[in-house]
Amino acid sequence: MPDAQAAHEFTLTALLTALAGANLIYGAGMLELGITFDYAQMLMDNEMARMVKQAVRGIRVSDETLAVDVVKEVGTAGNFISQDHTFTHMRTQSQSKLIDRRMRENWLAEGGKDFTERAYAEAISILENHRPEPLPDKVVAQLRAIVEETEVEYGIKK
């Protein structure tokens, strides 16, 4: 069953291998040692994988990101939220579709759904509403040619 433990285990496994230099995060949606796959777990793991990838990229340090001029101008007790610099850079922080960072009373007022419940709702929405763009005819023809060539090569089709 998808839950916080499964998300934690995926995150830890993904983070440690990513920090060791792996460039592939494996196992999204897997439960029970890969015997079971779950759409909600896959979406939860996708959120974790995005965060792991962002963490491994590190924090960009430059004059722009340090904003020393803004810090000097605003001061230690000033309001950074109203600064153009803050507004410009706040969207570069981790953005999640499923992780809810609202204050508890606001979260409860909106139904108090946990991570797993939100993931299931999103999975159902994707399954019911997602309409992928069709592949270009040229790509479909190339894929069909590869399949047909393989079928002939392995005697599946003559």
N, C-alpha and C. Protein backbone atom coordinates (compact mmCIF):
# COMPACT_ATOMS: atom_id res chain seq x y z
N MET A 1 0.85 -1.18 0.00
CA MET A 1 0.00 0.00 0.00
C MET A 1 0.89 1.24 0.00
N PRO A 2 0.60 2.18 -0.86
CA PRO A 2 1.37 3.43 -0.86
C PRO A 2 1.19 4.16 0.46
N ASP A 3 2.28 4.61 1.02
CA ASP A 3 2.21 5.36 2.26
C ASP A 3 3.51 6.11 2.48
N ALA A 4 3.59 6.75 3.64
CA ALA A 4 4.78 7.54 3.95
C ALA A 4 6.03 6.67 4.02
N GLN A 5 5.90 5.45 4.53
CA GLN A 5 7.07 4.56 4.60
C GLN A 5 7.59 4.26 3.21
N ALA A 6 6.70 3.92 2.30
CA ALA A 6 7.14 3.60 0.93
C ALA A 6 7.79 4.82 0.29
N ALA A 7 7.22 6.00 0.50
CA ALA A 7 7.81 7.22 -0.05
C ALA A 7 9.19 7.48 0.56
N HIS A 8 9.30 7.28 1.86
CA HIS A 8 10.59 7.48 2.54
C HIS A 8 11.64 6.50 2.01
N GLU A 9 11.27 5.24 1.86
CA GLU A 9 12.21 4.24 1.38
C GLU A 9 12.68 4.57 -0.03
N PHE A 10 11.75 4.99 -0.88
CA PHE A 10 12.14 5.38 -2.24
C PHE A 10 13.09 6.57 -2.19
N THR A 11 12.75 7.57 -1.40
CA THR A 11 13.57 8.78 -1.32
C THR A 11 14.98 8.46 -0.85
N LEU A 12 15.09 7.68 0.20
CA LEU A 12 16.41 7.35 0.74
C LEU A 12 17.24 6.58 -0.28
N THR A 13 16.63 5.60 -0.91
CA THR A 13 17.33 4.81 -1.92
C THR A 13 17.75 5.69 -3.09
N ALA A 14 16.84 6.53 -3.55
CA ALA A 14 17.15 7.41 -4.69
C ALA A 14 18.22 8.43 -4.33
N LEU A 15 18.12 9.03 -3.16
CA LEU A 15 19.07 10.06 -2.76
C LEU A 15 20.48 9.50 -2.62
N LEU A 16 20.61 8.37 -1.96
CA LEU A 16 21.95 7.82 -1.75
C LEU A 16 22.60 7.44 -3.08
N THR A 17 21.86 6.83 -3.98
CA THR A 17 22.45 6.47 -5.27
C THR A 17 22.74 7.70 -6.11
N ALA A 18 21.87 8.70 -6.05
CA ALA A 18 22.11 9.94 -6.80
C ALA A 18 23.35 10.66 -6.27
N LEU A 19 23.51 10.70 -4.96
CA LEU A 19 24.69 11.34 -4.37
C LEU A 19 25.97 10.58 -4.72
N ALA A 20 25.84 9.29 -4.98
CA ALA A 20 27.00 8.49 -5.38
C ALA A 20 27.32 8.64 -6.86
N GLY A 21 26.47 9.38 -7.60
CA GLY A 21 26.75 9.67 -9.00
C GLY A 21 25.87 8.94 -10.01
N ALA A 22 24.92 8.14 -9.55
CA ALA A 22 24.03 7.45 -10.49
C ALA A 22 23.21 8.48 -11.27
N ASN A 23 22.94 8.18 -12.52
CA ASN A 23 22.14 9.11 -13.32
C ASN A 23 20.78 8.51 -13.69
N LEU A 24 20.37 7.47 -12.97
CA LEU A 24 19.08 6.83 -13.19
C LEU A 24 18.43 6.58 -11.84
N ILE A 25 17.22 7.07 -11.68
CA ILE A 25 16.46 6.80 -10.46
C ILE A 25 15.46 5.71 -10.83
N TYR A 26 15.55 4.59 -10.14
CA TYR A 26 14.83 3.38 -10.48
C TYR A 26 13.77 3.06 -9.44
N GLY A 27 12.67 2.49 -9.86
CA GLY A 27 11.71 1.92 -8.93
C GLY A 27 10.47 2.73 -8.66
N ALA A 28 10.22 3.78 -9.40
CA ALA A 28 9.03 4.59 -9.15
C ALA A 28 7.78 3.73 -9.28
N GLY A 29 6.95 3.79 -8.25
CA GLY A 29 5.69 3.06 -8.25
C GLY A 29 5.78 1.64 -7.73
N MET A 30 7.00 1.18 -7.45
CA MET A 30 7.18 -0.21 -7.01
C MET A 30 6.85 -0.38 -5.53
N LEU A 31 6.15 -1.45 -5.23
CA LEU A 31 5.88 -1.87 -3.87
C LEU A 31 6.15 -3.37 -3.79
N GLU A 32 6.33 -3.88 -2.60
CA GLU A 32 6.54 -5.31 -2.39
C GLU A 32 7.67 -5.86 -3.26
N LEU A 33 8.83 -5.20 -3.18
CA LEU A 33 10.02 -5.61 -3.92
C LEU A 33 9.80 -5.64 -5.43
N GLY A 34 8.90 -4.79 -5.91
CA GLY A 34 8.66 -4.70 -7.36
C GLY A 34 7.61 -5.67 -7.87
N ILE A 35 6.99 -6.41 -6.98
CA ILE A 35 5.93 -7.33 -7.40
C ILE A 35 4.65 -6.55 -7.71
N THR A 36 4.46 -5.45 -7.02
CA THR A 36 3.26 -4.63 -7.17
C THR A 36 3.66 -3.23 -7.62
N PHE A 37 2.91 -2.69 -8.56
CA PHE A 37 3.07 -1.30 -8.96
C PHE A 37 1.78 -0.56 -8.64
N ASP A 38 1.90 0.68 -8.23
CA ASP A 38 0.74 1.46 -7.85
C ASP A 38 0.87 2.86 -8.45
N TYR A 39 -0.20 3.31 -9.11
CA TYR A 39 -0.16 4.63 -9.75
C TYR A 39 0.07 5.76 -8.75
N ALA A 40 -0.60 5.70 -7.61
CA ALA A 40 -0.40 6.76 -6.61
C ALA A 40 1.04 6.75 -6.11
N GLN A 41 1.58 5.57 -5.85
CA GLN A 41 2.97 5.48 -5.40
C GLN A 41 3.91 6.03 -6.47
N MET A 42 3.59 5.76 -7.73
CA MET A 42 4.43 6.27 -8.81
C MET A 42 4.45 7.80 -8.81
N LEU A 43 3.30 8.41 -8.59
CA LEU A 43 3.24 9.88 -8.54
C LEU A 43 3.97 10.41 -7.31
N MET A 44 3.83 9.74 -6.18
CA MET A 44 4.55 10.16 -4.97
C MET A 44 6.06 10.05 -5.21
N ASP A 45 6.48 8.93 -5.78
CA ASP A 45 7.90 8.72 -6.05
C ASP A 45 8.43 9.73 -7.06
N ASN A 46 7.59 10.10 -8.02
CA ASN A 46 8.00 11.11 -9.00
C ASN A 46 8.30 12.43 -8.31
N GLU A 47 7.47 12.81 -7.34
CA GLU A 47 7.73 14.04 -6.58
C GLU A 47 9.07 13.93 -5.85
N MET A 48 9.30 12.78 -5.24
CA MET A 48 10.55 12.58 -4.50
C MET A 48 11.74 12.61 -5.45
N ALA A 49 11.61 11.98 -6.61
CA ALA A 49 12.71 11.96 -7.58
C ALA A 49 13.05 13.37 -8.04
N ARG A 50 12.03 14.19 -8.28
CA ARG A 50 12.28 15.58 -8.67
C ARG A 50 13.06 16.31 -7.58
N MET A 51 12.69 16.08 -6.34
CA MET A 51 13.38 16.74 -5.23
C MET A 51 14.81 16.23 -5.08
N VAL A 52 15.01 14.93 -5.25
CA VAL A 52 16.36 14.36 -5.19
C VAL A 52 17.23 14.97 -6.28
N LYS A 53 16.69 15.03 -7.51
CA LYS A 53 17.46 15.61 -8.61
C LYS A 53 17.83 17.07 -8.33
N GLN A 54 16.89 17.82 -7.75
CA GLN A 54 17.18 19.22 -7.43
C GLN A 54 18.24 19.31 -6.34
N ALA A 55 18.16 18.45 -5.34
CA ALA A 55 19.15 18.47 -4.26
C ALA A 55 20.54 18.13 -4.79
N VAL A 56 20.62 17.15 -5.68
CA VAL A 56 21.92 16.73 -6.22
C VAL A 56 22.53 17.82 -7.10
N ARG A 57 21.68 18.59 -7.77
CA ARG A 57 22.20 19.70 -8.58
C ARG A 57 22.89 20.73 -7.71
N GLY A 58 22.49 20.80 -6.46
CA GLY A 58 23.13 21.74 -5.54
C GLY A 58 22.46 23.11 -5.59
N ILE A 59 23.05 24.02 -4.86
CA ILE A 59 22.53 25.38 -4.76
C ILE A 59 23.46 26.29 -5.54
N ARG A 60 22.90 26.97 -6.51
CA ARG A 60 23.70 27.88 -7.32
C ARG A 60 24.05 29.10 -6.48
N VAL A 61 25.32 29.40 -6.43
CA VAL A 61 25.79 30.54 -5.66
C VAL A 61 26.41 31.54 -6.62
N SER A 62 25.80 32.72 -6.67
CA SER A 62 26.30 33.79 -7.53
C SER A 62 25.91 35.12 -6.90
N ASP A 63 26.36 36.20 -7.48
CA ASP A 63 25.96 37.51 -6.98
C ASP A 63 24.45 37.65 -7.02
N GLU A 64 23.83 37.11 -8.07
CA GLU A 64 22.38 37.21 -8.22
C GLU A 64 21.65 36.42 -7.15
N THR A 65 22.09 35.17 -6.89
CA THR A 65 21.38 34.35 -5.91
C THR A 65 21.67 34.78 -4.47
N LEU A 66 22.85 35.30 -4.21
CA LEU A 66 23.17 35.77 -2.86
C LEU A 66 22.43 37.06 -2.52
N ALA A 67 22.20 37.89 -3.52
CA ALA A 67 21.43 39.13 -3.35
C ALA A 67 21.96 40.01 -2.22
N VAL A 68 23.26 40.14 -2.15
CA VAL A 68 23.87 40.93 -1.08
C VAL A 68 23.35 42.37 -1.11
N ASP A 69 23.18 42.93 -2.30
CA ASP A 69 22.67 44.31 -2.40
C ASP A 69 21.26 44.43 -1.81
N VAL A 70 20.43 43.44 -2.09
CA VAL A 70 19.06 43.45 -1.56
C VAL A 70 19.09 43.31 -0.04
N VAL A 71 19.93 42.43 0.46
CA VAL A 71 20.04 42.24 1.91
C VAL A 71 20.48 43.53 2.58
N LYS A 72 21.47 44.21 1.99
CA LYS A 72 21.94 45.49 2.56
C LYS A 72 20.82 46.53 2.53
N GLU A 73 20.11 46.59 1.42
CA GLU A 73 19.05 47.59 1.26
C GLU A 73 17.89 47.36 2.23
N VAL A 74 17.46 46.11 2.37
CA VAL A 74 16.30 45.80 3.21
C VAL A 74 16.68 45.78 4.69
N GLY A 75 17.85 45.28 5.00
CA GLY A 75 18.28 45.21 6.39
C GLY A 75 17.78 43.96 7.08
N THR A 76 18.25 43.76 8.30
CA THR A 76 17.95 42.53 9.02
C THR A 76 16.49 42.41 9.44
N ALA A 77 15.82 43.50 9.66
CA ALA A 77 14.43 43.44 10.12
C ALA A 77 13.44 43.86 9.02
N GLY A 78 13.92 43.93 7.78
CA GLY A 78 13.07 44.40 6.70
C GLY A 78 12.20 43.33 6.09
N ASN A 79 11.44 43.73 5.09
CA ASN A 79 10.49 42.86 4.42
C ASN A 79 11.06 42.43 3.07
N PHE A 80 11.45 41.16 2.97
CA PHE A 80 12.02 40.65 1.73
C PHE A 80 10.94 40.19 0.75
N ILE A 81 9.77 39.85 1.28
CA ILE A 81 8.70 39.32 0.44
C ILE A 81 8.27 40.32 -0.64
N SER A 82 8.29 41.59 -0.32
CA SER A 82 7.84 42.60 -1.28
C SER A 82 8.91 43.02 -2.29
N GLN A 83 10.08 42.45 -2.19
CA GLN A 83 11.17 42.80 -3.09
C GLN A 83 11.02 42.10 -4.44
N ASP A 84 11.29 42.80 -5.52
CA ASP A 84 11.24 42.21 -6.86
C ASP A 84 12.17 41.00 -6.96
N HIS A 85 13.34 41.09 -6.35
CA HIS A 85 14.31 39.99 -6.39
C HIS A 85 13.70 38.72 -5.79
N THR A 86 13.03 38.86 -4.66
CA THR A 86 12.40 37.70 -4.01
C THR A 86 11.33 37.11 -4.91
N PHE A 87 10.50 37.96 -5.47
CA PHE A 87 9.43 37.49 -6.35
C PHE A 87 10.00 36.77 -7.57
N THR A 88 11.06 37.31 -8.13
CA THR A 88 11.68 36.69 -9.30
C THR A 88 12.24 35.31 -8.98
N HIS A 89 12.84 35.16 -7.81
CA HIS A 89 13.54 33.92 -7.49
C HIS A 89 12.74 32.91 -6.68
N MET A 90 11.59 33.29 -6.16
CA MET A 90 10.85 32.35 -5.32
C MET A 90 10.34 31.15 -6.11
N ARG A 91 10.10 31.30 -7.39
CA ARG A 91 9.61 30.20 -8.20
C ARG A 91 10.72 29.20 -8.57
N THR A 92 11.96 29.54 -8.23
CA THR A 92 13.06 28.61 -8.51
C THR A 92 13.18 27.57 -7.40
N GLN A 93 12.42 27.75 -6.33
CA GLN A 93 12.44 26.80 -5.23
C GLN A 93 11.60 25.58 -5.62
N SER A 94 11.70 24.54 -4.83
CA SER A 94 10.98 23.30 -5.09
C SER A 94 9.48 23.56 -5.22
N GLN A 95 8.91 23.20 -6.33
CA GLN A 95 7.48 23.33 -6.57
C GLN A 95 6.89 21.93 -6.66
N SER A 96 5.92 21.63 -5.84
CA SER A 96 5.33 20.31 -5.82
C SER A 96 3.85 20.38 -6.15
N LYS A 97 3.41 19.39 -6.89
CA LYS A 97 1.99 19.30 -7.20
C LYS A 97 1.24 18.55 -6.10
N LEU A 98 1.92 17.66 -5.41
CA LEU A 98 1.26 16.79 -4.44
C LEU A 98 1.59 17.08 -2.98
N ILE A 99 2.75 17.66 -2.74
CA ILE A 99 3.12 17.96 -1.36
C ILE A 99 2.44 19.26 -0.96
N ASP A 100 1.71 19.20 0.13
CA ASP A 100 0.91 20.34 0.58
C ASP A 100 1.66 21.06 1.69
N ARG A 101 2.02 22.30 1.44
CA ARG A 101 2.81 23.06 2.41
C ARG A 101 1.99 24.16 3.10
N ARG A 102 0.67 24.03 3.03
CA ARG A 102 -0.17 25.04 3.68
C ARG A 102 -0.15 24.88 5.19
N MET A 103 -0.57 25.92 5.87
CA MET A 103 -0.71 25.86 7.32
C MET A 103 -1.81 24.85 7.64
N ARG A 104 -1.70 24.20 8.80
CA ARG A 104 -2.61 23.11 9.18
C ARG A 104 -4.08 23.49 9.08
N GLU A 105 -4.46 24.66 9.59
CA GLU A 105 -5.88 25.02 9.58
C GLU A 105 -6.39 25.18 8.15
N ASN A 106 -5.56 25.70 7.26
CA ASN A 106 -5.98 25.82 5.85
C ASN A 106 -6.08 24.45 5.20
N TRP A 107 -5.13 23.57 5.51
CA TRP A 107 -5.15 22.21 4.98
C TRP A 107 -6.40 21.48 5.46
N LEU A 108 -6.72 21.58 6.74
CA LEU A 108 -7.92 20.93 7.27
C LEU A 108 -9.19 21.51 6.67
N ALA A 109 -9.23 22.82 6.47
CA ALA A 109 -10.41 23.46 5.89
C ALA A 109 -10.68 22.98 4.47
N GLU A 110 -9.63 22.55 3.78
CA GLU A 110 -9.77 22.05 2.40
C GLU A 110 -9.92 20.53 2.35
N GLY A 111 -10.16 19.90 3.49
CA GLY A 111 -10.40 18.46 3.50
C GLY A 111 -9.33 17.64 4.18
N GLY A 112 -8.15 18.20 4.44
CA GLY A 112 -7.10 17.51 5.16
C GLY A 112 -6.61 16.23 4.51
N LYS A 113 -6.58 16.18 3.18
CA LYS A 113 -6.11 14.96 2.51
C LYS A 113 -4.60 14.81 2.65
N ASP A 114 -4.17 13.58 2.96
CA ASP A 114 -2.74 13.35 3.10
C ASP A 114 -2.11 13.09 1.72
N PHE A 115 -0.82 12.90 1.74
CA PHE A 115 -0.02 12.72 0.52
C PHE A 115 -0.58 11.59 -0.36
N THR A 116 -0.88 10.46 0.26
CA THR A 116 -1.39 9.31 -0.49
C THR A 116 -2.75 9.62 -1.11
N GLU A 117 -3.63 10.24 -0.36
CA GLU A 117 -4.96 10.59 -0.88
C GLU A 117 -4.84 11.55 -2.06
N ARG A 118 -3.95 12.54 -1.93
CA ARG A 118 -3.77 13.48 -3.05
C ARG A 118 -3.18 12.77 -4.27
N ALA A 119 -2.28 11.81 -4.03
CA ALA A 119 -1.67 11.07 -5.13
C ALA A 119 -2.71 10.21 -5.86
N TYR A 120 -3.59 9.55 -5.10
CA TYR A 120 -4.65 8.76 -5.74
C TYR A 120 -5.58 9.65 -6.55
N ALA A 121 -5.96 10.80 -6.01
CA ALA A 121 -6.83 11.72 -6.74
C ALA A 121 -6.17 12.17 -8.04
N GLU A 122 -4.88 12.48 -7.98
CA GLU A 122 -4.16 12.90 -9.19
C GLU A 122 -4.04 11.76 -10.18
N ALA A 123 -3.77 10.55 -9.70
CA ALA A 123 -3.66 9.39 -10.60
C ALA A 123 -4.99 9.16 -11.33
N ILE A 124 -6.09 9.24 -10.61
CA ILE A 124 -7.41 9.06 -11.23
C ILE A 124 -7.66 10.16 -12.25
N SER A 125 -7.30 11.39 -11.92
CA SER A 125 -7.47 12.50 -12.85
C SER A 125 -6.66 12.29 -14.13
N ILE A 126 -5.43 11.84 -13.98
CA ILE A 126 -4.59 11.58 -15.17
C ILE A 126 -5.20 10.48 -16.01
N LEU A 127 -5.60 9.39 -15.38
CA LEU A 127 -6.17 8.26 -16.12
C LEU A 127 -7.46 8.65 -16.84
N GLU A 128 -8.26 9.51 -16.23
CA GLU A 128 -9.54 9.90 -16.83
C GLU A 128 -9.41 11.03 -17.84
N ASN A 129 -8.42 11.90 -17.69
CA ASN A 129 -8.40 13.13 -18.48
C ASN A 129 -7.22 13.33 -19.40
N HIS A 130 -6.11 12.65 -19.16
CA HIS A 130 -4.91 12.91 -19.95
C HIS A 130 -5.09 12.43 -21.38
N ARG A 131 -4.81 13.29 -22.31
CA ARG A 131 -4.86 12.96 -23.73
C ARG A 131 -3.53 13.34 -24.35
N PRO A 132 -2.63 12.35 -24.50
CA PRO A 132 -1.30 12.68 -25.03
C PRO A 132 -1.38 13.15 -26.48
N GLU A 133 -0.41 13.97 -26.83
CA GLU A 133 -0.29 14.41 -28.22
C GLU A 133 0.09 13.19 -29.06
N PRO A 134 -0.58 12.99 -30.19
CA PRO A 134 -0.19 11.86 -31.04
C PRO A 134 1.21 12.06 -31.61
N LEU A 135 1.90 10.95 -31.82
CA LEU A 135 3.24 11.02 -32.43
C LEU A 135 3.10 11.46 -33.88
N PRO A 136 4.08 12.17 -34.39
CA PRO A 136 4.06 12.54 -35.81
C PRO A 136 4.06 11.27 -36.68
N ASP A 137 3.42 11.33 -37.82
CA ASP A 137 3.32 10.18 -38.73
C ASP A 137 4.68 9.58 -39.04
N LYS A 138 5.68 10.45 -39.23
CA LYS A 138 7.03 9.97 -39.55
C LYS A 138 7.58 9.10 -38.43
N VAL A 139 7.37 9.49 -37.20
CA VAL A 139 7.85 8.72 -36.06
C VAL A 139 7.10 7.39 -35.96
N VAL A 140 5.79 7.42 -36.16
CA VAL A 140 5.00 6.19 -36.14
C VAL A 140 5.51 5.23 -37.21
N ALA A 141 5.80 5.75 -38.39
CA ALA A 141 6.31 4.90 -39.48
C ALA A 141 7.67 4.30 -39.11
N GLN A 142 8.55 5.09 -38.50
CA GLN A 142 9.87 4.59 -38.09
C GLN A 142 9.73 3.49 -37.03
N LEU A 143 8.86 3.70 -36.06
CA LEU A 143 8.64 2.69 -35.03
C LEU A 143 8.06 1.41 -35.63
N ARG A 144 7.11 1.56 -36.53
CA ARG A 144 6.50 0.40 -37.20
C ARG A 144 7.57 -0.36 -37.97
N ALA A 145 8.46 0.34 -38.65
CA ALA A 145 9.53 -0.32 -39.42
C ALA A 145 10.46 -1.10 -38.49
N ILE A 146 10.78 -0.56 -37.33
CA ILE A 146 11.64 -1.25 -36.37
C ILE A 146 10.95 -2.53 -35.88
N VAL A 147 9.68 -2.44 -35.56
CA VAL A 147 8.93 -3.61 -35.10
C VAL A 147 8.89 -4.68 -36.18
N GLU A 148 8.57 -4.27 -37.39
CA GLU A 148 8.46 -5.24 -38.49
C GLU A 148 9.81 -5.90 -38.79
N GLU A 149 10.87 -5.12 -38.76
CA GLU A 149 12.22 -5.66 -38.99
C GLU A 149 12.57 -6.69 -37.91
N THR A 150 12.25 -6.37 -36.68
CA THR A 150 12.53 -7.28 -35.56
C THR A 150 11.69 -8.54 -35.67
N GLU A 151 10.44 -8.41 -36.06
CA GLU A 151 9.57 -9.58 -36.21
C GLU A 151 10.11 -10.53 -37.27
N VAL A 152 10.59 -9.97 -38.38
CA VAL A 152 11.16 -10.80 -39.44
C VAL A 152 12.45 -11.45 -38.95
N GLU A 153 13.31 -10.68 -38.30
CA GLU A 153 14.61 -11.18 -37.83
C GLU A 153 14.44 -12.33 -36.85
N TYR A 154 13.45 -12.29 -35.99
CA TYR A 154 13.27 -13.32 -35.00
C TYR A 154 12.20 -14.35 -35.39
N GLY A 155 11.75 -14.31 -36.62
CA GLY A 155 10.82 -15.31 -37.12
C GLY A 155 9.42 -15.18 -36.56
N ILE A 156 9.11 -14.03 -36.05
CA ILE A 156 7.75 -13.82 -35.52
C ILE A 156 6.78 -13.61 -36.67
N LYS A 157 7.28 -12.99 -37.72
CA LYS A 157 6.46 -12.70 -38.89
C LYS A 157 7.32 -12.92 -40.12
N LYS A 158 6.75 -13.48 -41.12
CA LYS A 158 7.54 -13.73 -42.33
C LYS A 158 6.98 -13.00 -43.51
